[in-house]
Protein backbone atom coordinates (compact mmCIF):
# COMPACT_ATOMS: atom_id res chain seq x y z
CA UNK A 1 0.20 -0.07 0.32
CA UNK A 2 1.63 3.49 -1.07
CA UNK A 3 0.80 6.32 1.63
CA UNK A 4 -0.11 9.75 0.23
CA UNK A 5 2.29 12.52 2.29
CA UNK A 6 1.20 16.45 1.22
CA UNK A 7 3.77 18.70 2.05
CA UNK A 8 2.47 20.89 4.64
CA UNK A 9 2.09 24.59 4.27
CA UNK A 10 3.99 25.89 7.83
CA UNK A 11 0.62 25.81 8.86
CA UNK A 12 -1.67 23.13 10.01
CA UNK A 13 -4.84 25.37 10.57
CA UNK A 14 -4.73 26.12 6.60
CA UNK A 15 -3.93 22.79 5.88
CA UNK A 16 -6.92 21.48 7.41
CA UNK A 17 -9.05 23.76 5.99
CA UNK A 18 -9.44 26.84 7.54
CA UNK A 19 -9.20 29.95 5.90
CA UNK A 20 -6.10 31.65 5.21
CA UNK A 21 -6.83 34.68 7.37
CA UNK A 22 -8.34 32.56 10.49
CA UNK A 23 -5.60 30.25 9.97
CA UNK A 24 -3.01 32.71 10.57
CA UNK A 25 -4.55 33.88 13.89
CA UNK A 26 -4.64 30.57 15.09
CA UNK A 27 -1.33 30.53 14.57
CA UNK A 28 -0.04 33.35 16.09
CA UNK A 29 -2.64 32.32 19.15
CA UNK A 30 -1.43 28.83 19.16
CA UNK A 31 2.55 30.09 19.36
CA UNK A 32 1.34 32.69 22.22
CA UNK A 33 -0.33 30.06 24.13
CA UNK A 34 2.83 27.36 24.19
CA UNK A 35 5.12 30.87 24.72
CA UNK A 36 3.22 30.83 27.75
CA UNK A 37 3.01 27.03 28.78
CA UNK A 38 6.66 27.46 28.47
CA UNK A 39 7.14 29.89 30.90
CA UNK A 40 4.76 28.94 33.32
CA UNK A 41 5.97 25.26 33.45
CA UNK A 42 9.76 26.64 33.92
CA UNK A 43 8.85 28.78 36.69
CA UNK A 44 7.30 25.46 38.44
CA UNK A 45 4.15 27.97 40.56
CA UNK A 46 1.33 26.79 42.14
CA UNK A 47 -1.68 27.66 39.23
CA UNK A 48 -3.14 30.03 42.59
CA UNK A 49 0.09 31.64 42.30
CA UNK A 50 0.31 31.85 38.59
CA UNK A 51 -3.03 33.92 37.89
CA UNK A 52 -1.94 36.09 40.54
CA UNK A 53 1.00 37.18 38.47
CA UNK A 54 -0.86 37.22 35.72
CA UNK A 55 -3.97 39.01 36.46
CA UNK A 56 -6.39 36.43 36.16
CA UNK A 57 -8.36 33.41 38.09
CA UNK A 58 -7.04 30.26 38.60
CA UNK A 59 -9.38 28.26 36.17
CA UNK A 60 -8.03 30.64 33.42
CA UNK A 61 -4.62 29.45 33.77
CA UNK A 62 -6.31 25.98 33.47
CA UNK A 63 -7.94 26.90 30.65
CA UNK A 64 -4.43 28.06 29.28
CA UNK A 65 -2.41 24.98 30.32
CA UNK A 66 -4.65 22.38 28.69
CA UNK A 67 -4.32 24.99 25.38
CA UNK A 68 -8.36 26.10 25.70
CA UNK A 69 -7.06 28.37 22.76
CA UNK A 70 -10.69 29.23 21.77
CA UNK A 71 -10.64 31.18 25.09
CA UNK A 72 -7.56 33.32 24.44
CA UNK A 73 -7.72 36.18 22.51
CA UNK A 74 -3.95 37.31 20.99
CA UNK A 75 -4.27 40.72 23.14
CA UNK A 76 -4.93 38.39 26.46
CA UNK A 77 -2.05 36.85 25.54
CA UNK A 78 0.24 39.28 25.08
CA UNK A 79 -0.87 40.97 28.11
CA UNK A 80 -0.10 37.60 30.27
CA UNK A 81 3.81 37.54 28.75
CA UNK A 82 3.88 41.05 29.80
CA UNK A 83 3.16 40.59 32.71
CA UNK A 84 5.75 37.47 33.12
CA UNK A 85 8.38 40.57 31.87
CA UNK A 86 8.21 38.77 28.82
CA UNK A 87 8.22 40.84 25.28
CA UNK A 88 6.39 40.25 22.09
CA UNK A 89 7.49 41.37 18.78
CA UNK A 90 5.87 41.37 15.67
CA UNK A 91 7.80 40.67 12.48
CA UNK A 92 5.34 40.87 8.92
CA UNK A 93 6.37 39.05 5.94
CA UNK A 94 5.57 40.27 2.80
CA UNK A 95 5.24 37.07 0.27
CA UNK A 96 7.62 37.20 -2.25
CA UNK A 97 5.81 36.94 -5.84
CA UNK A 98 6.46 34.55 -8.23
CA UNK A 99 7.73 35.70 -11.20
CA UNK A 100 5.34 35.50 -14.45
CA UNK A 101 5.42 32.92 -16.85
CA UNK A 102 4.89 34.23 -19.93
């Protein structure tokens, strides 16, 4: 049996069928969520302690650690990262235009 392999676009959300706009938004949110999870895990603090530091409730920290991406906006995650002393930088990349074939 031959397995068909499709190369990823680099954005799993686009690969599974989300619109380009929604896929980009979800990818950014996923990246921020992972950064928050890693930062909190490295600090080894209780969720109640993390909640105080982040300015949210303990259940919100639980949602964050369980990857409930749909519950968090980009703004809220940037604010939480800032409260942890982590700076967020946005990079905008303009796609290269493909050479037109005559």
